[in-house]
Amino acid sequence: MLHETKLFSNFKPYTSYNKKKDQKMDLKPLVGAAIGAAGGIALSKTAYKSLNKSILAKKGLNPDSKVPFVEALDMITTAVLANAGGVIGGSKGADKDSRERKVREAGFQIMNMSIPMILVTLTLSACNKFKKLDNNISRIIGSFIAMTTGAFIATKITNLTKEDTEPDRKYTIKDSIANFDDVIATIKIGFPKIDKIIPVSKILPFIYTYSGARAGWKE
């Protein structure tokens, strides 16, 4: 077998590729996150479905409609369970410091989803309540502001609670993928007719599984 030449051994992308090629991907965090997300789906179809119907019946509303805060709670629960599964799966064999970093990463992932989602739900509720805001333009602009504000708050809270030795959290493109669930949540809660035609909400469990796996992979 030929040895690497000095030219290629010093070429960072090449050596990084070789290093990654030799590493085996740890599937335990991914499996744990998937199990957690599946648990969230099960709750969605049982407990949260029953809660939604109960609230609608008490208010005398259309039994086929959705209660925004029940929908948000449903999605947040799935995100929490997926991240918990990812951390549990990734903690096997990890030392104490590594487990703590995984937990903090899961905390960020959960906040990065739930805080924007809560703000989006409040925004959409306000649009439904006030006649001047009861239009699609207000819903779209309001939801965008809510999502970006929520992501900013989640990042700030994470930096306040991190260890002194850890660098400040920077909001990245990978983090913004997690906020894609808030876009879907906005469609699901604020534009239910679109979700009925194109069931984009079915993508949510996969996004939560990804974020949970990221928490479990944190070193």
Protein backbone atom coordinates (compact mmCIF):
# COMPACT_ATOMS: atom_id res chain seq x y z
CA MET A 1 0.00 0.00 0.00
CA LEU A 2 1.39 3.41 -0.97
CA HIS A 3 2.03 5.90 1.82
CA GLU A 4 0.47 9.37 1.68
CA THR A 5 2.78 11.94 0.19
CA LYS A 6 3.70 15.00 2.22
CA LEU A 7 1.63 17.14 -0.12
CA PHE A 8 -1.60 15.22 0.58
CA SER A 9 -0.92 14.52 4.27
CA ASN A 10 -0.70 18.25 4.92
CA PHE A 11 -3.82 19.00 2.89
CA LYS A 12 -6.50 19.51 5.56
CA PRO A 13 -9.61 18.50 3.59
CA TYR A 14 -7.87 15.30 2.50
CA THR A 15 -6.71 14.33 6.00
CA SER A 16 -10.11 15.26 7.50
CA TYR A 17 -11.78 13.05 4.93
CA ASN A 18 -9.50 10.13 5.81
CA LYS A 19 -10.13 10.63 9.50
CA LYS A 20 -13.90 10.71 9.07
CA LYS A 21 -13.74 7.69 6.77
CA ASP A 22 -12.06 5.64 9.52
CA GLN A 23 -14.63 6.67 12.16
CA LYS A 24 -17.80 4.65 12.63
CA MET A 25 -20.96 6.68 12.98
CA ASP A 26 -22.52 6.19 16.42
CA LEU A 27 -26.12 5.25 15.77
CA LYS A 28 -27.21 5.08 19.43
CA PRO A 29 -28.13 8.80 19.69
CA LEU A 30 -30.06 8.58 16.41
CA VAL A 31 -31.95 5.46 17.53
CA GLY A 32 -32.67 7.00 20.94
CA ALA A 33 -33.96 10.21 19.34
CA ALA A 34 -36.15 8.21 16.94
CA ILE A 35 -37.66 6.24 19.83
CA GLY A 36 -38.33 9.49 21.70
CA ALA A 37 -40.00 11.04 18.65
CA ALA A 38 -42.12 7.90 18.23
CA GLY A 39 -43.26 8.30 21.84
CA GLY A 40 -44.28 11.87 21.05
CA ILE A 41 -46.29 10.69 18.03
CA ALA A 42 -48.07 8.13 20.22
CA LEU A 43 -49.02 10.85 22.72
CA SER A 44 -50.18 13.06 19.88
CA LYS A 45 -52.61 10.42 18.67
CA THR A 46 -53.96 9.63 22.13
CA ALA A 47 -53.64 12.11 25.00
CA TYR A 48 -53.32 15.33 22.99
CA LYS A 49 -56.02 14.32 20.51
CA SER A 50 -58.37 13.68 23.43
CA LEU A 51 -57.42 17.00 25.10
CA ASN A 52 -58.03 18.90 21.86
CA LYS A 53 -61.51 17.37 21.46
CA SER A 54 -62.36 18.03 25.11
CA ILE A 55 -61.50 21.75 24.86
CA LEU A 56 -63.41 22.15 21.60
CA ALA A 57 -66.47 20.41 23.08
CA LYS A 58 -66.46 22.69 26.14
CA LYS A 59 -66.27 25.79 23.95
CA GLY A 60 -68.84 24.47 21.48
CA LEU A 61 -66.43 24.77 18.56
CA ASN A 62 -66.01 22.66 15.44
CA PRO A 63 -64.74 19.24 16.64
CA ASP A 64 -62.50 18.96 13.56
CA SER A 65 -60.58 22.18 14.32
CA LYS A 66 -57.35 22.47 16.29
CA VAL A 67 -56.59 24.31 19.52
CA PRO A 68 -53.34 26.26 18.87
CA PHE A 69 -51.84 25.82 22.34
CA VAL A 70 -52.61 22.09 22.38
CA GLU A 71 -50.89 21.81 18.99
CA ALA A 72 -47.84 23.70 20.31
CA LEU A 73 -47.70 21.60 23.50
CA ASP A 74 -47.97 18.46 21.39
CA MET A 75 -45.01 19.44 19.21
CA ILE A 76 -42.88 20.62 22.14
CA THR A 77 -43.45 17.30 23.92
CA THR A 78 -42.22 15.38 20.87
CA ALA A 79 -39.13 17.62 20.69
CA VAL A 80 -38.37 17.07 24.40
CA LEU A 81 -38.75 13.28 24.13
CA ALA A 82 -36.59 13.13 20.98
CA ASN A 83 -33.79 15.12 22.63
CA ALA A 84 -34.04 13.07 25.83
CA GLY A 85 -33.72 9.91 23.73
CA GLY A 86 -30.73 11.32 21.88
CA VAL A 87 -28.94 12.21 25.12
CA ILE A 88 -29.65 8.81 26.68
CA GLY A 89 -28.45 7.04 23.55
CA GLY A 90 -25.28 9.13 23.36
CA SER A 91 -24.46 8.97 27.08
CA LYS A 92 -23.60 5.27 27.17
CA GLY A 93 -19.90 5.03 27.85
CA ALA A 94 -19.46 8.83 27.99
CA ASP A 95 -17.78 10.54 30.93
CA LYS A 96 -19.56 12.98 33.25
CA ASP A 97 -18.39 16.14 31.45
CA SER A 98 -19.47 14.77 28.08
CA ARG A 99 -22.92 13.84 29.44
CA GLU A 100 -23.35 17.33 30.86
CA ARG A 101 -22.46 18.88 27.50
CA LYS A 102 -25.00 16.64 25.79
CA VAL A 103 -27.69 17.73 28.27
CA ARG A 104 -26.86 21.40 27.69
CA GLU A 105 -26.98 20.85 23.93
CA ALA A 106 -30.39 19.18 24.28
CA GLY A 107 -31.54 22.15 26.37
CA PHE A 108 -30.53 24.51 23.59
CA GLN A 109 -32.19 22.39 20.90
CA ILE A 110 -35.43 22.28 22.91
CA MET A 111 -35.39 26.02 23.59
CA ASN A 112 -34.47 26.71 19.97
CA MET A 113 -37.71 24.98 18.98
CA SER A 114 -40.11 25.70 21.82
CA ILE A 115 -39.49 29.42 22.47
CA PRO A 116 -40.04 30.45 18.81
CA MET A 117 -43.04 28.10 18.63
CA ILE A 118 -44.64 29.61 21.74
CA LEU A 119 -44.09 33.13 20.37
CA VAL A 120 -45.53 32.07 16.99
CA THR A 121 -48.60 30.63 18.72
CA LEU A 122 -49.12 33.85 20.70
CA THR A 123 -48.70 35.89 17.52
CA LEU A 124 -51.24 33.83 15.58
CA SER A 125 -53.67 34.00 18.50
CA ALA A 126 -53.34 37.79 18.51
CA CYS A 127 -53.97 37.88 14.75
CA ASN A 128 -57.15 35.84 15.23
CA LYS A 129 -58.31 38.07 18.09
CA PHE A 130 -57.80 41.52 16.57
CA LYS A 131 -59.65 42.35 13.37
CA LYS A 132 -56.90 44.59 11.94
CA LEU A 133 -54.40 41.75 12.22
CA ASP A 134 -56.73 39.02 10.97
CA ASN A 135 -55.07 38.57 7.57
CA ASN A 136 -52.36 36.38 6.03
CA ILE A 137 -49.81 39.21 5.66
CA SER A 138 -49.94 39.96 9.39
CA ARG A 139 -49.68 36.26 10.20
CA ILE A 140 -46.64 35.75 7.98
CA ILE A 141 -44.76 38.88 9.13
CA GLY A 142 -45.68 38.29 12.77
CA SER A 143 -44.60 34.65 12.64
CA PHE A 144 -41.25 35.56 11.06
CA ILE A 145 -40.55 38.13 13.79
CA ALA A 146 -41.62 35.64 16.46
CA MET A 147 -39.34 32.91 15.10
CA THR A 148 -36.23 35.11 14.84
CA THR A 149 -36.88 36.64 18.28
CA GLY A 150 -37.35 33.20 19.82
CA ALA A 151 -34.12 31.89 18.30
CA PHE A 152 -32.25 34.97 19.62
CA ILE A 153 -33.67 34.43 23.14
CA ALA A 154 -32.77 30.71 23.09
CA THR A 155 -29.17 31.52 22.12
CA LYS A 156 -28.87 34.20 24.83
CA ILE A 157 -30.22 31.87 27.54
CA THR A 158 -27.79 29.15 26.45
CA ASN A 159 -24.83 31.52 26.71
CA LEU A 160 -25.93 32.60 30.20
CA THR A 161 -26.10 29.01 31.45
CA LYS A 162 -22.98 27.58 29.77
CA GLU A 163 -19.73 26.72 31.52
CA ASP A 164 -17.14 29.52 31.67
CA THR A 165 -14.68 27.37 29.73
CA GLU A 166 -17.10 26.94 26.81
CA PRO A 167 -17.20 29.50 23.98
CA ASP A 168 -20.35 31.53 23.39
CA ARG A 169 -22.97 29.79 21.32
CA LYS A 170 -23.21 31.18 17.80
CA TYR A 171 -26.39 30.71 15.85
CA THR A 172 -25.49 28.58 12.80
CA ILE A 173 -27.10 27.25 9.65
CA LYS A 174 -27.45 23.87 11.37
CA ASP A 175 -29.39 25.54 14.18
CA SER A 176 -31.68 27.22 11.66
CA ILE A 177 -32.65 23.78 10.35
CA ALA A 178 -34.21 23.12 13.71
CA ASN A 179 -36.26 26.31 13.35
CA PHE A 180 -37.77 24.85 10.19
CA ASP A 181 -40.19 23.11 12.54
CA ASP A 182 -41.52 26.54 13.53
CA VAL A 183 -42.25 27.27 9.87
CA ILE A 184 -44.17 24.00 9.70
CA ALA A 185 -45.88 24.77 13.01
CA THR A 186 -46.94 28.14 11.62
CA ILE A 187 -48.49 26.42 8.61
CA LYS A 188 -50.11 23.77 10.79
CA ILE A 189 -51.58 26.22 13.31
CA GLY A 190 -52.10 29.37 11.26
CA PHE A 191 -52.85 27.93 7.84
CA PRO A 192 -54.60 24.58 8.50
CA LYS A 193 -56.06 24.43 4.98
CA ILE A 194 -52.55 24.23 3.49
CA ASP A 195 -51.56 21.49 5.94
CA LYS A 196 -54.61 19.47 4.95
CA ILE A 197 -53.67 19.68 1.27
CA ILE A 198 -49.93 19.13 1.81
CA PRO A 199 -49.36 17.44 5.23
CA VAL A 200 -46.04 19.20 5.91
CA SER A 201 -46.48 18.53 9.64
CA LYS A 202 -45.47 14.90 9.01
CA ILE A 203 -41.91 16.20 8.57
CA LEU A 204 -41.75 17.38 12.20
CA PRO A 205 -40.80 14.04 13.83
CA PHE A 206 -37.81 13.76 11.47
CA ILE A 207 -36.62 17.27 12.40
CA TYR A 208 -36.96 16.47 16.11
CA THR A 209 -35.08 13.20 15.60
CA TYR A 210 -32.25 15.11 13.91
CA SER A 211 -31.99 17.65 16.74
CA GLY A 212 -32.10 14.89 19.37
CA ALA A 213 -29.31 13.02 17.60
CA ARG A 214 -27.24 16.22 17.51
CA ALA A 215 -27.57 16.49 21.28
CA GLY A 216 -26.44 12.88 21.68
CA TRP A 217 -23.46 13.39 19.37
CA LYS A 218 -22.21 16.40 21.32
CA GLU A 219 -18.69 15.77 22.65
